[in-house]
Amino acid sequence: MGLFSGKNALIFGVANKDSIAWGIAQALHAEGANIGLSYANEKLKRRVEPLAQSIGVTFLEECDVLDDAALDRVFARAAQHFGRLDVLVHAVAFAERADLEGEFVNTSREGWNLALGVSAYSLVAMARRARPLMTEGGAIVTLSYYGSEKVVPHYNVMGVAKAALEASVRYLAFELGGQNIRVNALSPGPIKTLSGAGIPGFRKMLRYSQLASPLHKLVTPEDVGKAVVWLCSDWGRSVTGQTIYIDAGYSAMGVPHGLLEAMREQLPED
């Protein structure tokens, strides 16, 4: 018997075998959960279908999270297929590359609305539709990043979107807590994914994170999946409204050791 035997989990944001959402799906499946998957568009279907088949998933739906009718359709199908939901995973984010490459001050109105709509408002839209299906309580988890709290060059409007996402987690946790629905965010360090590849200088970010974090390692989708198992199971039953870092300790550092080493020769002697 696994921690999620007899429980149902709906996961948005699977893109390919390297995506964090897929790592979460595998971890929940290993603990006995019945899994439903959603992907963003037709182009991703050929990548996601074989993954779904590999763990016996029969609920696989395309969904544009900016389209209310599409969200209504997916959640109506989920109600029909599962009866109830126990876990909702929101692993969805997007910003136009032009709004990441340039200066933040030049963010377009359209780019702002797109990034905030896909990356933050969609959590609210999903939670509203999941609430009536979580008849026995449940857990909602989303994915953030350190750029919500501190400036990360070229993260730009996505950092603002993640800040809005984390604030939304707190407000949703307050409102849904009376129905025993917990809402949290996990904030992993940089992981080599399809969406990460769209951030300029991402490879350097990976190398620097590994050097500067106390554990001197990169986080994996498997690490995030295991954290979701803890957070969404009975083991995390008293945790809600939180943003929890899974970044090998990077966010604990004030002046990362790797930066000091790199600058040692340039710093004046005491």
Protein backbone atom coordinates (compact mmCIF):
# COMPACT_ATOMS: atom_id res chain seq x y z
CA MET A 1 0.00 0.00 0.00
CA GLY A 2 1.42 3.36 -1.02
CA LEU A 3 0.79 6.75 0.55
CA PHE A 4 -1.64 7.61 -2.27
CA SER A 5 -3.39 4.29 -2.80
CA GLY A 6 -6.98 5.02 -3.82
CA LYS A 7 -6.27 8.72 -4.30
CA ASN A 8 -6.52 10.77 -7.50
CA ALA A 9 -4.03 13.36 -8.73
CA LEU A 10 -4.46 15.75 -11.66
CA ILE A 11 -1.19 17.20 -12.96
CA PHE A 12 -0.93 20.15 -15.35
CA GLY A 13 2.27 21.00 -17.19
CA VAL A 14 3.84 17.79 -18.46
CA ALA A 15 5.94 18.61 -21.52
CA ASN A 16 8.44 15.76 -21.91
CA LYS A 17 10.43 13.19 -19.94
CA ASP A 18 12.63 15.90 -18.40
CA SER A 19 9.81 18.10 -17.12
CA ILE A 20 9.32 18.60 -13.39
CA ALA A 21 5.65 17.69 -13.76
CA TRP A 22 6.67 14.27 -15.07
CA GLY A 23 8.99 13.73 -12.10
CA ILE A 24 6.03 14.51 -9.85
CA ALA A 25 3.75 12.17 -11.79
CA GLN A 26 6.22 9.31 -11.43
CA ALA A 27 6.62 9.88 -7.69
CA LEU A 28 2.86 9.98 -7.06
CA HIS A 29 2.29 6.94 -9.28
CA ALA A 30 4.95 5.00 -7.35
CA GLU A 31 2.95 5.68 -4.18
CA GLY A 32 -0.26 4.31 -5.70
CA ALA A 33 -2.01 7.44 -7.00
CA ASN A 34 -4.36 7.36 -9.97
CA ILE A 35 -2.85 9.95 -12.29
CA GLY A 36 -4.43 12.36 -14.75
CA LEU A 37 -2.17 14.43 -17.01
CA SER A 38 -2.68 17.64 -18.95
CA TYR A 39 -0.37 19.19 -21.52
CA ALA A 40 -0.39 22.63 -23.12
CA ASN A 41 -0.88 22.07 -26.85
CA GLU A 42 -1.08 19.58 -29.70
CA LYS A 43 2.64 19.88 -30.42
CA LEU A 44 3.46 18.29 -27.06
CA LYS A 45 1.04 15.39 -27.42
CA ARG A 46 3.50 13.07 -29.17
CA ARG A 47 5.96 13.53 -26.28
CA VAL A 48 3.45 13.15 -23.48
CA GLU A 49 1.38 10.23 -24.79
CA PRO A 50 4.17 7.62 -24.43
CA LEU A 51 4.90 8.86 -20.91
CA ALA A 52 1.25 8.48 -19.94
CA GLN A 53 1.14 4.98 -21.39
CA SER A 54 4.28 3.97 -19.48
CA ILE A 55 2.48 4.38 -16.12
CA GLY A 56 -0.97 3.34 -17.28
CA VAL A 57 -2.54 6.80 -17.39
CA THR A 58 -5.89 6.84 -19.20
CA PHE A 59 -6.78 10.47 -18.46
CA LEU A 60 -4.77 12.67 -20.82
CA GLU A 61 -6.10 16.06 -21.86
CA GLU A 62 -4.82 19.05 -23.80
CA CYS A 63 -5.53 22.37 -22.06
CA ASP A 64 -4.79 26.01 -22.82
CA VAL A 65 -4.87 27.44 -19.30
CA LEU A 66 -5.82 30.88 -20.63
CA ASP A 67 -9.05 29.41 -22.03
CA ASP A 68 -11.82 29.12 -19.44
CA ALA A 69 -13.81 26.79 -21.67
CA ALA A 70 -10.81 24.45 -21.93
CA LEU A 71 -10.37 24.44 -18.15
CA ASP A 72 -14.08 23.78 -17.67
CA ARG A 73 -13.85 20.84 -20.07
CA VAL A 74 -10.80 19.27 -18.39
CA PHE A 75 -12.24 19.53 -14.88
CA ALA A 76 -15.63 18.25 -16.01
CA ARG A 77 -13.87 15.26 -17.54
CA ALA A 78 -11.86 14.80 -14.35
CA ALA A 79 -15.08 14.74 -12.31
CA GLN A 80 -16.49 12.12 -14.66
CA HIS A 81 -13.30 10.04 -14.75
CA PHE A 82 -12.17 10.19 -11.10
CA GLY A 83 -15.26 11.20 -9.16
CA ARG A 84 -13.16 13.27 -6.79
CA LEU A 85 -9.69 14.83 -6.64
CA ASP A 86 -7.17 14.56 -3.84
CA VAL A 87 -4.17 16.29 -5.40
CA LEU A 88 -3.85 19.09 -7.95
CA VAL A 89 -0.40 19.93 -9.33
CA HIS A 90 0.07 23.25 -11.12
CA ALA A 91 3.37 23.10 -13.02
CA VAL A 92 2.58 25.74 -15.62
CA ALA A 93 4.56 28.87 -16.52
CA PHE A 94 5.35 30.88 -19.64
CA ALA A 95 6.77 34.23 -20.75
CA GLU A 96 7.75 35.46 -24.18
CA ARG A 97 11.49 35.14 -24.80
CA ALA A 98 11.64 38.81 -25.79
CA ASP A 99 10.48 39.76 -22.30
CA LEU A 100 13.27 37.66 -20.77
CA GLU A 101 16.13 38.73 -23.04
CA GLY A 102 15.66 42.47 -22.74
CA GLU A 103 15.44 44.90 -19.85
CA PHE A 104 12.57 44.42 -17.42
CA VAL A 105 11.62 48.08 -17.81
CA ASN A 106 10.78 47.35 -21.45
CA THR A 107 8.32 44.55 -20.67
CA SER A 108 5.35 44.91 -22.99
CA ARG A 109 1.81 45.10 -21.70
CA GLU A 110 0.96 42.02 -23.75
CA GLY A 111 4.00 40.16 -22.37
CA TRP A 112 3.08 41.10 -18.81
CA ASN A 113 -0.51 39.92 -19.19
CA LEU A 114 0.59 36.68 -20.83
CA ALA A 115 3.20 35.81 -18.18
CA LEU A 116 0.92 36.66 -15.25
CA GLY A 117 -2.06 34.94 -16.84
CA VAL A 118 -0.34 31.66 -17.62
CA SER A 119 2.00 31.50 -14.63
CA ALA A 120 -0.11 32.93 -11.78
CA TYR A 121 -3.80 33.43 -12.55
CA SER A 122 -4.11 29.88 -13.89
CA LEU A 123 -3.51 28.57 -10.35
CA VAL A 124 -6.52 30.53 -9.11
CA ALA A 125 -8.62 29.33 -12.05
CA MET A 126 -7.66 25.70 -11.40
CA ALA A 127 -8.21 25.92 -7.64
CA ARG A 128 -11.72 27.30 -8.19
CA ARG A 129 -12.58 24.32 -10.37
CA ALA A 130 -10.81 21.75 -8.17
CA ARG A 131 -12.48 22.85 -4.93
CA PRO A 132 -15.86 21.15 -5.52
CA LEU A 133 -14.05 17.94 -6.51
CA MET A 134 -11.98 17.81 -3.30
CA THR A 135 -14.87 16.43 -1.28
CA GLU A 136 -12.58 14.76 1.26
CA GLY A 137 -10.08 17.61 1.49
CA GLY A 138 -6.99 17.72 -0.65
CA ALA A 139 -3.69 19.31 -1.54
CA ILE A 140 -2.81 21.81 -4.24
CA VAL A 141 0.83 22.42 -5.07
CA THR A 142 2.49 24.78 -7.53
CA LEU A 143 6.07 25.50 -8.59
CA SER A 144 7.89 28.75 -7.98
CA TYR A 145 11.51 29.92 -8.17
CA TYR A 146 13.93 32.09 -6.18
CA GLY A 147 13.51 34.86 -8.76
CA SER A 148 10.18 35.64 -7.07
CA GLU A 149 12.08 36.96 -4.07
CA LYS A 150 15.44 38.18 -5.38
CA VAL A 151 16.55 39.58 -8.72
CA VAL A 152 17.77 36.93 -11.14
CA PRO A 153 19.11 38.51 -14.37
CA HIS A 154 16.94 37.68 -17.39
CA TYR A 155 14.15 36.23 -15.26
CA ASN A 156 12.41 39.60 -15.51
CA VAL A 157 8.60 39.40 -15.79
CA MET A 158 8.65 35.75 -14.80
CA GLY A 159 10.02 36.77 -11.40
CA VAL A 160 7.05 39.10 -10.97
CA ALA A 161 4.69 36.31 -12.07
CA LYS A 162 6.21 33.92 -9.52
CA ALA A 163 5.85 36.55 -6.79
CA ALA A 164 2.16 36.85 -7.68
CA LEU A 165 1.92 33.06 -7.69
CA GLU A 166 3.34 32.80 -4.16
CA ALA A 167 0.97 35.50 -2.88
CA SER A 168 -1.91 33.61 -4.50
CA VAL A 169 -0.83 30.47 -2.63
CA ARG A 170 -1.22 32.27 0.68
CA TYR A 171 -4.66 33.70 -0.12
CA LEU A 172 -5.92 30.38 -1.47
CA ALA A 173 -4.58 28.56 1.59
CA PHE A 174 -6.57 30.91 3.82
CA GLU A 175 -9.81 30.58 1.88
CA LEU A 176 -9.71 26.84 1.25
CA GLY A 177 -8.36 25.77 4.63
CA GLY A 178 -11.86 25.44 6.07
CA GLN A 179 -12.50 22.64 3.58
CA ASN A 180 -9.24 20.93 4.57
CA ILE A 181 -7.65 21.85 1.25
CA ARG A 182 -4.01 22.77 1.64
CA VAL A 183 -2.19 25.01 -0.86
CA ASN A 184 1.59 25.28 -1.06
CA ALA A 185 4.40 26.15 -3.44
CA LEU A 186 7.67 24.34 -3.96
CA SER A 187 10.61 26.43 -5.13
CA PRO A 188 13.24 24.21 -6.77
CA GLY A 189 16.66 25.35 -7.87
CA PRO A 190 17.23 25.55 -11.63
CA ILE A 191 16.53 22.28 -13.44
CA LYS A 192 17.32 21.53 -17.07
CA THR A 193 13.82 21.54 -18.57
CA LEU A 194 12.15 22.72 -21.77
CA SER A 195 10.93 25.92 -20.10
CA GLY A 196 14.28 26.55 -18.42
CA ALA A 197 16.01 26.41 -21.78
CA GLY A 198 14.05 29.52 -22.77
CA ILE A 199 15.85 31.66 -20.18
CA PRO A 200 18.95 33.37 -21.60
CA GLY A 201 22.13 32.22 -19.87
CA PHE A 202 20.40 29.23 -18.30
CA ARG A 203 23.39 26.89 -18.66
CA LYS A 204 25.56 29.33 -16.71
CA MET A 205 22.82 29.53 -14.09
CA LEU A 206 22.93 25.76 -13.70
CA ARG A 207 26.71 25.69 -13.27
CA TYR A 208 26.70 28.59 -10.82
CA SER A 209 23.91 27.07 -8.70
CA GLN A 210 25.85 23.85 -8.39
CA LEU A 211 29.01 25.69 -7.35
CA ALA A 212 27.35 28.11 -4.93
CA SER A 213 24.87 25.88 -3.10
CA PRO A 214 25.98 24.29 0.20
CA LEU A 215 25.34 20.77 -1.14
CA HIS A 216 27.19 21.53 -4.41
CA LYS A 217 24.64 19.69 -6.51
CA LEU A 218 21.77 20.36 -8.88
CA VAL A 219 18.18 19.54 -8.04
CA THR A 220 16.35 16.93 -10.15
CA PRO A 221 12.68 16.38 -11.04
CA GLU A 222 12.89 13.28 -8.85
CA ASP A 223 13.82 15.48 -5.86
CA VAL A 224 10.76 17.64 -6.49
CA GLY A 225 8.56 14.58 -6.92
CA LYS A 226 9.60 13.23 -3.53
CA ALA A 227 8.90 16.60 -1.92
CA VAL A 228 5.41 16.58 -3.45
CA VAL A 229 4.80 13.10 -2.02
CA TRP A 230 5.67 14.41 1.43
CA LEU A 231 3.79 17.69 1.11
CA CYS A 232 0.57 16.29 -0.38
CA SER A 233 0.37 13.18 1.77
CA ASP A 234 -0.75 12.90 5.38
CA TRP A 235 2.89 13.50 6.35
CA GLY A 236 2.44 17.17 5.42
CA ARG A 237 -1.09 17.52 6.77
CA SER A 238 -0.36 20.65 8.85
CA VAL A 239 1.55 22.56 6.17
CA THR A 240 -0.29 25.14 4.09
CA GLY A 241 0.31 28.60 2.64
CA GLN A 242 4.05 28.01 2.40
CA THR A 243 6.78 28.34 -0.21
CA ILE A 244 9.31 25.60 0.45
CA TYR A 245 12.76 25.71 -1.14
CA ILE A 246 14.27 22.62 -2.73
CA ASP A 247 17.52 24.12 -4.01
CA ALA A 248 20.41 22.31 -2.28
CA GLY A 249 20.56 25.25 0.14
CA TYR A 250 21.24 27.97 -2.43
CA SER A 251 18.56 30.31 -1.04
CA ALA A 252 20.19 30.16 2.42
CA MET A 253 23.34 31.86 1.19
CA GLY A 254 23.94 35.59 1.54
CA VAL A 255 27.20 35.79 -0.44
CA PRO A 256 27.64 32.40 -2.10
CA HIS A 257 31.03 30.77 -1.58
CA GLY A 258 31.58 30.36 -5.32
CA LEU A 259 31.25 34.11 -5.86
CA LEU A 260 33.79 34.89 -3.14
CA GLU A 261 36.26 32.46 -4.67
CA ALA A 262 35.79 33.92 -8.14
CA MET A 263 36.33 37.47 -6.86
CA ARG A 264 39.13 36.75 -4.37
CA GLU A 265 41.88 38.18 -6.53
CA GLN A 266 39.87 41.32 -7.27
CA LEU A 267 39.04 42.15 -3.65
CA PRO A 268 41.42 44.45 -1.70
CA GLU A 269 43.28 42.97 1.26
CA ASP A 270 41.98 43.84 4.74
